[in-house]
């Protein structure tokens, strides 16, 4: 199978970003960016990605879509929402992390992660470091955020983590970020990166 056919099959089978699966319509606006941060927090535990995205959907169905609403919500309500999505092993600690994280976003960036971007001044490494000021977000969580946000913030492009690059190599696709970025349009990079991660998880 040539590169073009491999790419087409990969995107056909797995080409849905994690943000899409969580019901987030990503735009460079405060609420969708915060929802992406919530998803990154949920994905930062040892829990299956589909459970994390289901948990994000449940939180958003409960109207917990902004840091102000999250911060003003009682802990048990968050625990219950996570439980409905079967996010049970880490529900209590994650509820605490979400409440504390909402306060950090409000205090540090006025509830608007575009201010975090401004503070990073175009440096993708600075973006990842600042994200890790949020409870539960470590290098993996920061990477998840950047992988999904690269379609919005050009300075993050291209971003593929080790798992995505390994999957690309196993499929005979380019092994470098730049090589992979040459396969799709810039706004398709999150779909490609997510597709590679999903493909890798199946093997």
C-alpha atoms as a PDB file:
ATOM      1  CA  UNK A   1       0.000   0.000   0.000  1.00  0.00           C
ATOM      2  CA  UNK A   2       1.442   3.399  -0.938  1.00  0.00           C
ATOM      3  CA  UNK A   3       1.599   6.399   1.380  1.00  0.00           C
ATOM      4  CA  UNK A   4      -1.500   8.024  -0.077  1.00  0.00           C
ATOM      5  CA  UNK A   5      -3.611   4.895   0.371  1.00  0.00           C
ATOM      6  CA  UNK A   6      -2.238   4.254   3.869  1.00  0.00           C
ATOM      7  CA  UNK A   7      -3.053   7.816   4.890  1.00  0.00           C
ATOM      8  CA  UNK A   8      -6.560   7.652   3.439  1.00  0.00           C
ATOM      9  CA  UNK A   9      -7.301   4.381   5.266  1.00  0.00           C
ATOM     10  CA  UNK A  10      -5.851   5.705   8.525  1.00  0.00           C
ATOM     11  CA  UNK A  11      -7.998   8.847   8.452  1.00  0.00           C
ATOM     12  CA  UNK A  12     -11.074   6.898   7.361  1.00  0.00           C
ATOM     13  CA  UNK A  13     -10.788   4.439  10.249  1.00  0.00           C
ATOM     14  CA  UNK A  14      -9.414   6.671  13.010  1.00  0.00           C
ATOM     15  CA  UNK A  15      -9.580  10.262  11.782  1.00  0.00           C
ATOM     16  CA  UNK A  16     -11.593  11.827  14.555  1.00  0.00           C
ATOM     17  CA  UNK A  17      -9.846  14.073  17.036  1.00  0.00           C
ATOM     18  CA  UNK A  18     -10.336  13.445  20.751  1.00  0.00           C
ATOM     19  CA  UNK A  19     -11.860  16.922  21.050  1.00  0.00           C
ATOM     20  CA  UNK A  20     -14.490  15.990  18.448  1.00  0.00           C
ATOM     21  CA  UNK A  21     -15.243  12.774  20.288  1.00  0.00           C
ATOM     22  CA  UNK A  22     -15.716  14.730  23.513  1.00  0.00           C
ATOM     23  CA  UNK A  23     -18.212  17.011  21.785  1.00  0.00           C
ATOM     24  CA  UNK A  24     -15.926  20.053  21.708  1.00  0.00           C
ATOM     25  CA  UNK A  25     -16.255  22.354  18.714  1.00  0.00           C
ATOM     26  CA  UNK A  26     -12.749  23.769  18.874  1.00  0.00           C
ATOM     27  CA  UNK A  27     -12.418  27.488  18.260  1.00  0.00           C
ATOM     28  CA  UNK A  28      -9.951  30.064  19.521  1.00  0.00           C
ATOM     29  CA  UNK A  29     -12.412  31.181  22.206  1.00  0.00           C
ATOM     30  CA  UNK A  30     -12.263  30.894  26.016  1.00  0.00           C
ATOM     31  CA  UNK A  31     -14.941  28.227  26.524  1.00  0.00           C
ATOM     32  CA  UNK A  32     -13.798  25.662  23.901  1.00  0.00           C
ATOM     33  CA  UNK A  33     -10.157  26.080  24.946  1.00  0.00           C
ATOM     34  CA  UNK A  34     -11.096  25.482  28.575  1.00  0.00           C
ATOM     35  CA  UNK A  35     -13.111  22.405  27.564  1.00  0.00           C
ATOM     36  CA  UNK A  36     -10.009  21.088  25.813  1.00  0.00           C
ATOM     37  CA  UNK A  37      -8.046  21.641  29.019  1.00  0.00           C
ATOM     38  CA  UNK A  38     -10.667  19.659  30.945  1.00  0.00           C
ATOM     39  CA  UNK A  39     -10.319  16.836  28.431  1.00  0.00           C
ATOM     40  CA  UNK A  40      -6.531  16.902  28.867  1.00  0.00           C
ATOM     41  CA  UNK A  41      -6.983  16.629  32.649  1.00  0.00           C
ATOM     42  CA  UNK A  42      -9.328  13.674  32.223  1.00  0.00           C
ATOM     43  CA  UNK A  43      -6.906  11.928  29.851  1.00  0.00           C
ATOM     44  CA  UNK A  44      -3.988  12.390  32.237  1.00  0.00           C
ATOM     45  CA  UNK A  45      -4.848   9.428  34.448  1.00  0.00           C
ATOM     46  CA  UNK A  46      -4.379   5.742  33.724  1.00  0.00           C
ATOM     47  CA  UNK A  47      -7.814   5.404  32.211  1.00  0.00           C
ATOM     48  CA  UNK A  48      -9.046   4.471  28.735  1.00  0.00           C
ATOM     49  CA  UNK A  49      -9.380   7.351  26.305  1.00  0.00           C
ATOM     50  CA  UNK A  50     -13.011   6.520  25.472  1.00  0.00           C
ATOM     51  CA  UNK A  51     -13.956   6.731  29.149  1.00  0.00           C
ATOM     52  CA  UNK A  52     -12.138  10.066  29.428  1.00  0.00           C
ATOM     53  CA  UNK A  53     -13.984  11.473  26.413  1.00  0.00           C
ATOM     54  CA  UNK A  54     -17.307  10.147  27.756  1.00  0.00           C
ATOM     55  CA  UNK A  55     -16.549  11.851  31.070  1.00  0.00           C
ATOM     56  CA  UNK A  56     -15.843  15.116  29.278  1.00  0.00           C
ATOM     57  CA  UNK A  57     -19.163  14.865  27.445  1.00  0.00           C
ATOM     58  CA  UNK A  58     -20.968  14.246  30.727  1.00  0.00           C
ATOM     59  CA  UNK A  59     -19.350  17.265  32.384  1.00  0.00           C
ATOM     60  CA  UNK A  60     -20.269  19.463  29.430  1.00  0.00           C
ATOM     61  CA  UNK A  61     -23.843  18.104  29.444  1.00  0.00           C
ATOM     62  CA  UNK A  62     -23.912  19.236  33.069  1.00  0.00           C
ATOM     63  CA  UNK A  63     -23.001  22.739  31.795  1.00  0.00           C
ATOM     64  CA  UNK A  64     -19.494  22.633  33.256  1.00  0.00           C
ATOM     65  CA  UNK A  65     -18.017  24.336  30.208  1.00  0.00           C
ATOM     66  CA  UNK A  66     -16.223  27.358  31.680  1.00  0.00           C
ATOM     67  CA  UNK A  67     -13.770  27.755  34.562  1.00  0.00           C
ATOM     68  CA  UNK A  68     -16.191  30.073  36.392  1.00  0.00           C
ATOM     69  CA  UNK A  69     -19.035  27.548  36.308  1.00  0.00           C
ATOM     70  CA  UNK A  70     -16.651  24.726  37.260  1.00  0.00           C
ATOM     71  CA  UNK A  71     -15.220  26.698  40.180  1.00  0.00           C
ATOM     72  CA  UNK A  72     -18.721  27.535  41.429  1.00  0.00           C
ATOM     73  CA  UNK A  73     -19.900  23.904  41.290  1.00  0.00           C
ATOM     74  CA  UNK A  74     -19.818  21.720  44.377  1.00  0.00           C
ATOM     75  CA  UNK A  75     -17.381  18.823  44.447  1.00  0.00           C
ATOM     76  CA  UNK A  76     -20.040  16.101  44.707  1.00  0.00           C
ATOM     77  CA  UNK A  77     -21.785  17.272  41.546  1.00  0.00           C
ATOM     78  CA  UNK A  78     -18.537  16.810  39.626  1.00  0.00           C
ATOM     79  CA  UNK A  79     -17.915  13.406  41.200  1.00  0.00           C
ATOM     80  CA  UNK A  80     -21.445  12.318  40.245  1.00  0.00           C
ATOM     81  CA  UNK A  81     -20.990  13.467  36.625  1.00  0.00           C
ATOM     82  CA  UNK A  82     -17.727  11.534  36.355  1.00  0.00           C
ATOM     83  CA  UNK A  83     -19.397   8.489  37.876  1.00  0.00           C
ATOM     84  CA  UNK A  84     -22.178   8.542  35.292  1.00  0.00           C
ATOM     85  CA  UNK A  85     -19.487   8.206  32.637  1.00  0.00           C
ATOM     86  CA  UNK A  86     -17.897   5.284  34.548  1.00  0.00           C
ATOM     87  CA  UNK A  87     -14.839   7.441  35.330  1.00  0.00           C
ATOM     88  CA  UNK A  88     -14.853   5.934  38.801  1.00  0.00           C
ATOM     89  CA  UNK A  89     -11.366   4.936  39.818  1.00  0.00           C
ATOM     90  CA  UNK A  90     -10.126   8.529  39.820  1.00  0.00           C
ATOM     91  CA  UNK A  91     -13.416  10.386  40.183  1.00  0.00           C
ATOM     92  CA  UNK A  92     -12.784  12.003  43.576  1.00  0.00           C
ATOM     93  CA  UNK A  93      -9.190  13.098  42.951  1.00  0.00           C
ATOM     94  CA  UNK A  94     -10.114  14.311  39.459  1.00  0.00           C
ATOM     95  CA  UNK A  95     -13.040  16.355  40.791  1.00  0.00           C
ATOM     96  CA  UNK A  96     -10.617  18.045  43.175  1.00  0.00           C
ATOM     97  CA  UNK A  97      -8.126  18.645  40.363  1.00  0.00           C
ATOM     98  CA  UNK A  98     -10.840  20.169  38.148  1.00  0.00           C
ATOM     99  CA  UNK A  99     -11.977  22.545  40.891  1.00  0.00           C
ATOM    100  CA  UNK A 100      -8.414  23.599  41.696  1.00  0.00           C
ATOM    101  CA  UNK A 101      -7.570  23.876  37.998  1.00  0.00           C
ATOM    102  CA  UNK A 102     -10.554  26.149  37.338  1.00  0.00           C
ATOM    103  CA  UNK A 103      -9.306  28.468  40.068  1.00  0.00           C
ATOM    104  CA  UNK A 104      -5.814  28.496  38.530  1.00  0.00           C
ATOM    105  CA  UNK A 105      -7.205  29.386  35.095  1.00  0.00           C
ATOM    106  CA  UNK A 106      -9.312  32.161  36.587  1.00  0.00           C
ATOM    107  CA  UNK A 107      -6.520  33.564  38.740  1.00  0.00           C
ATOM    108  CA  UNK A 108      -3.641  33.262  36.265  1.00  0.00           C
ATOM    109  CA  UNK A 109      -5.352  33.996  32.951  1.00  0.00           C
ATOM    110  CA  UNK A 110      -8.706  35.534  33.806  1.00  0.00           C
ATOM    111  CA  UNK A 111     -10.503  32.412  32.584  1.00  0.00           C
ATOM    112  CA  UNK A 112      -9.085  32.821  29.064  1.00  0.00           C
ATOM    113  CA  UNK A 113      -6.335  30.453  27.891  1.00  0.00           C
ATOM    114  CA  UNK A 114      -5.544  32.808  25.034  1.00  0.00           C
ATOM    115  CA  UNK A 115      -3.796  34.842  27.715  1.00  0.00           C
ATOM    116  CA  UNK A 116      -1.630  31.809  28.456  1.00  0.00           C
ATOM    117  CA  UNK A 117      -0.777  31.777  24.764  1.00  0.00           C
ATOM    118  CA  UNK A 118       0.101  35.470  24.892  1.00  0.00           C
ATOM    119  CA  UNK A 119       2.284  34.881  27.951  1.00  0.00           C
ATOM    120  CA  UNK A 120       4.161  32.142  26.063  1.00  0.00           C
ATOM    121  CA  UNK A 121       4.943  34.692  23.320  1.00  0.00           C
ATOM    122  CA  UNK A 122       4.978  32.189  20.469  1.00  0.00           C
ATOM    123  CA  UNK A 123       7.174  29.617  22.227  1.00  0.00           C
ATOM    124  CA  UNK A 124       5.542  26.150  22.117  1.00  0.00           C
ATOM    125  CA  UNK A 125       7.742  24.895  24.941  1.00  0.00           C
ATOM    126  CA  UNK A 126       6.558  27.809  27.096  1.00  0.00           C
ATOM    127  CA  UNK A 127       2.947  26.894  26.281  1.00  0.00           C
ATOM    128  CA  UNK A 128       3.563  23.344  27.531  1.00  0.00           C
ATOM    129  CA  UNK A 129       5.289  24.601  30.684  1.00  0.00           C
ATOM    130  CA  UNK A 130       2.497  27.044  31.520  1.00  0.00           C
ATOM    131  CA  UNK A 131      -0.153  24.371  31.004  1.00  0.00           C
ATOM    132  CA  UNK A 132       1.592  22.302  33.666  1.00  0.00           C
ATOM    133  CA  UNK A 133       0.706  24.933  36.265  1.00  0.00           C
ATOM    134  CA  UNK A 134      -2.782  23.406  36.124  1.00  0.00           C
ATOM    135  CA  UNK A 135      -3.271  20.538  38.628  1.00  0.00           C
ATOM    136  CA  UNK A 136      -3.002  17.050  37.110  1.00  0.00           C
ATOM    137  CA  UNK A 137      -1.541  18.392  33.849  1.00  0.00           C
ATOM    138  CA  UNK A 138       1.959  17.020  33.330  1.00  0.00           C
ATOM    139  CA  UNK A 139       3.956  16.554  30.131  1.00  0.00           C
ATOM    140  CA  UNK A 140       1.426  14.024  28.797  1.00  0.00           C
ATOM    141  CA  UNK A 141      -1.587  16.250  29.469  1.00  0.00           C
ATOM    142  CA  UNK A 142       0.175  19.284  28.031  1.00  0.00           C
ATOM    143  CA  UNK A 143       0.982  17.221  24.959  1.00  0.00           C
ATOM    144  CA  UNK A 144      -2.658  16.200  24.552  1.00  0.00           C
ATOM    145  CA  UNK A 145      -3.735  19.845  24.709  1.00  0.00           C
ATOM    146  CA  UNK A 146      -1.096  20.901  22.170  1.00  0.00           C
ATOM    147  CA  UNK A 147      -1.874  17.985  19.847  1.00  0.00           C
ATOM    148  CA  UNK A 148      -5.505  19.076  19.638  1.00  0.00           C
ATOM    149  CA  UNK A 149      -4.894  22.851  19.713  1.00  0.00           C
ATOM    150  CA  UNK A 150      -2.301  22.892  16.933  1.00  0.00           C
ATOM    151  CA  UNK A 151      -5.082  23.364  14.401  1.00  0.00           C
ATOM    152  CA  UNK A 152      -5.826  26.704  16.087  1.00  0.00           C
ATOM    153  CA  UNK A 153      -2.426  27.919  17.270  1.00  0.00           C
ATOM    154  CA  UNK A 154       0.141  27.801  14.426  1.00  0.00           C
ATOM    155  CA  UNK A 155       3.124  28.067  16.781  1.00  0.00           C
ATOM    156  CA  UNK A 156       2.337  24.589  18.112  1.00  0.00           C
ATOM    157  CA  UNK A 157       2.648  22.981  14.671  1.00  0.00           C
ATOM    158  CA  UNK A 158       3.609  20.342  13.974  1.00  0.00           C
ATOM    159  CA  UNK A 159       3.073  18.360  17.164  1.00  0.00           C
ATOM    160  CA  UNK A 160       3.200  14.562  17.250  1.00  0.00           C
ATOM    161  CA  UNK A 161       4.053  12.664  20.408  1.00  0.00           C
ATOM    162  CA  UNK A 162       6.203   9.546  20.630  1.00  0.00           C
ATOM    163  CA  UNK A 163       3.194   7.226  20.371  1.00  0.00           C
ATOM    164  CA  UNK A 164       2.015   8.923  17.162  1.00  0.00           C
ATOM    165  CA  UNK A 165       5.494   8.790  15.618  1.00  0.00           C
ATOM    166  CA  UNK A 166       5.864   5.105  16.494  1.00  0.00           C
ATOM    167  CA  UNK A 167       2.520   4.330  14.891  1.00  0.00           C
ATOM    168  CA  UNK A 168       3.521   6.301  11.792  1.00  0.00           C
ATOM    169  CA  UNK A 169       6.728   4.315  11.507  1.00  0.00           C
ATOM    170  CA  UNK A 170       4.885   0.998  11.798  1.00  0.00           C
ATOM    171  CA  UNK A 171       2.560   2.094   8.971  1.00  0.00           C
ATOM    172  CA  UNK A 172       5.402   3.121   6.703  1.00  0.00           C
ATOM    173  CA  UNK A 173       4.621   6.827   7.046  1.00  0.00           C
ATOM    174  CA  UNK A 174       7.240   9.526   7.744  1.00  0.00           C
ATOM    175  CA  UNK A 175       8.778   9.316  11.226  1.00  0.00           C
ATOM    176  CA  UNK A 176       9.403  13.022  11.789  1.00  0.00           C
ATOM    177  CA  UNK A 177       6.962  15.757  12.779  1.00  0.00           C
ATOM    178  CA  UNK A 178       7.840  17.728   9.670  1.00  0.00           C
ATOM    179  CA  UNK A 179       7.418  14.724   7.398  1.00  0.00           C
ATOM    180  CA  UNK A 180       4.013  13.908   8.846  1.00  0.00           C
ATOM    181  CA  UNK A 181       2.937  17.547   8.660  1.00  0.00           C
ATOM    182  CA  UNK A 182       3.585  17.480   4.928  1.00  0.00           C
ATOM    183  CA  UNK A 183       0.864  14.866   4.447  1.00  0.00           C
ATOM    184  CA  UNK A 184      -2.146  17.018   5.381  1.00  0.00           C
ATOM    185  CA  UNK A 185      -3.320  20.622   5.550  1.00  0.00           C
ATOM    186  CA  UNK A 186      -2.450  22.469   8.792  1.00  0.00           C
ATOM    187  CA  UNK A 187      -6.009  22.351  10.136  1.00  0.00           C
ATOM    188  CA  UNK A 188      -6.023  18.560   9.635  1.00  0.00           C
ATOM    189  CA  UNK A 189      -2.994  17.984  11.873  1.00  0.00           C
ATOM    190  CA  UNK A 190      -5.068  17.225  15.011  1.00  0.00           C
ATOM    191  CA  UNK A 191      -7.023  14.560  13.095  1.00  0.00           C
ATOM    192  CA  UNK A 192      -3.836  12.964  11.791  1.00  0.00           C
ATOM    193  CA  UNK A 193      -2.122  13.014  15.186  1.00  0.00           C
ATOM    194  CA  UNK A 194      -5.193  11.533  16.901  1.00  0.00           C
ATOM    195  CA  UNK A 195      -5.590   8.908  14.185  1.00  0.00           C
ATOM    196  CA  UNK A 196      -2.001   7.782  14.680  1.00  0.00           C
ATOM    197  CA  UNK A 197      -2.461   7.565  18.452  1.00  0.00           C
ATOM    198  CA  UNK A 198      -5.665   5.532  18.047  1.00  0.00           C
ATOM    199  CA  UNK A 199      -3.980   3.252  15.510  1.00  0.00           C
ATOM    200  CA  UNK A 200      -1.063   2.723  17.868  1.00  0.00           C
ATOM    201  CA  UNK A 201      -3.378   1.806  20.741  1.00  0.00           C
ATOM    202  CA  UNK A 202      -4.900  -0.985  18.660  1.00  0.00           C
ATOM    203  CA  UNK A 203      -1.564  -2.700  18.059  1.00  0.00           C
END
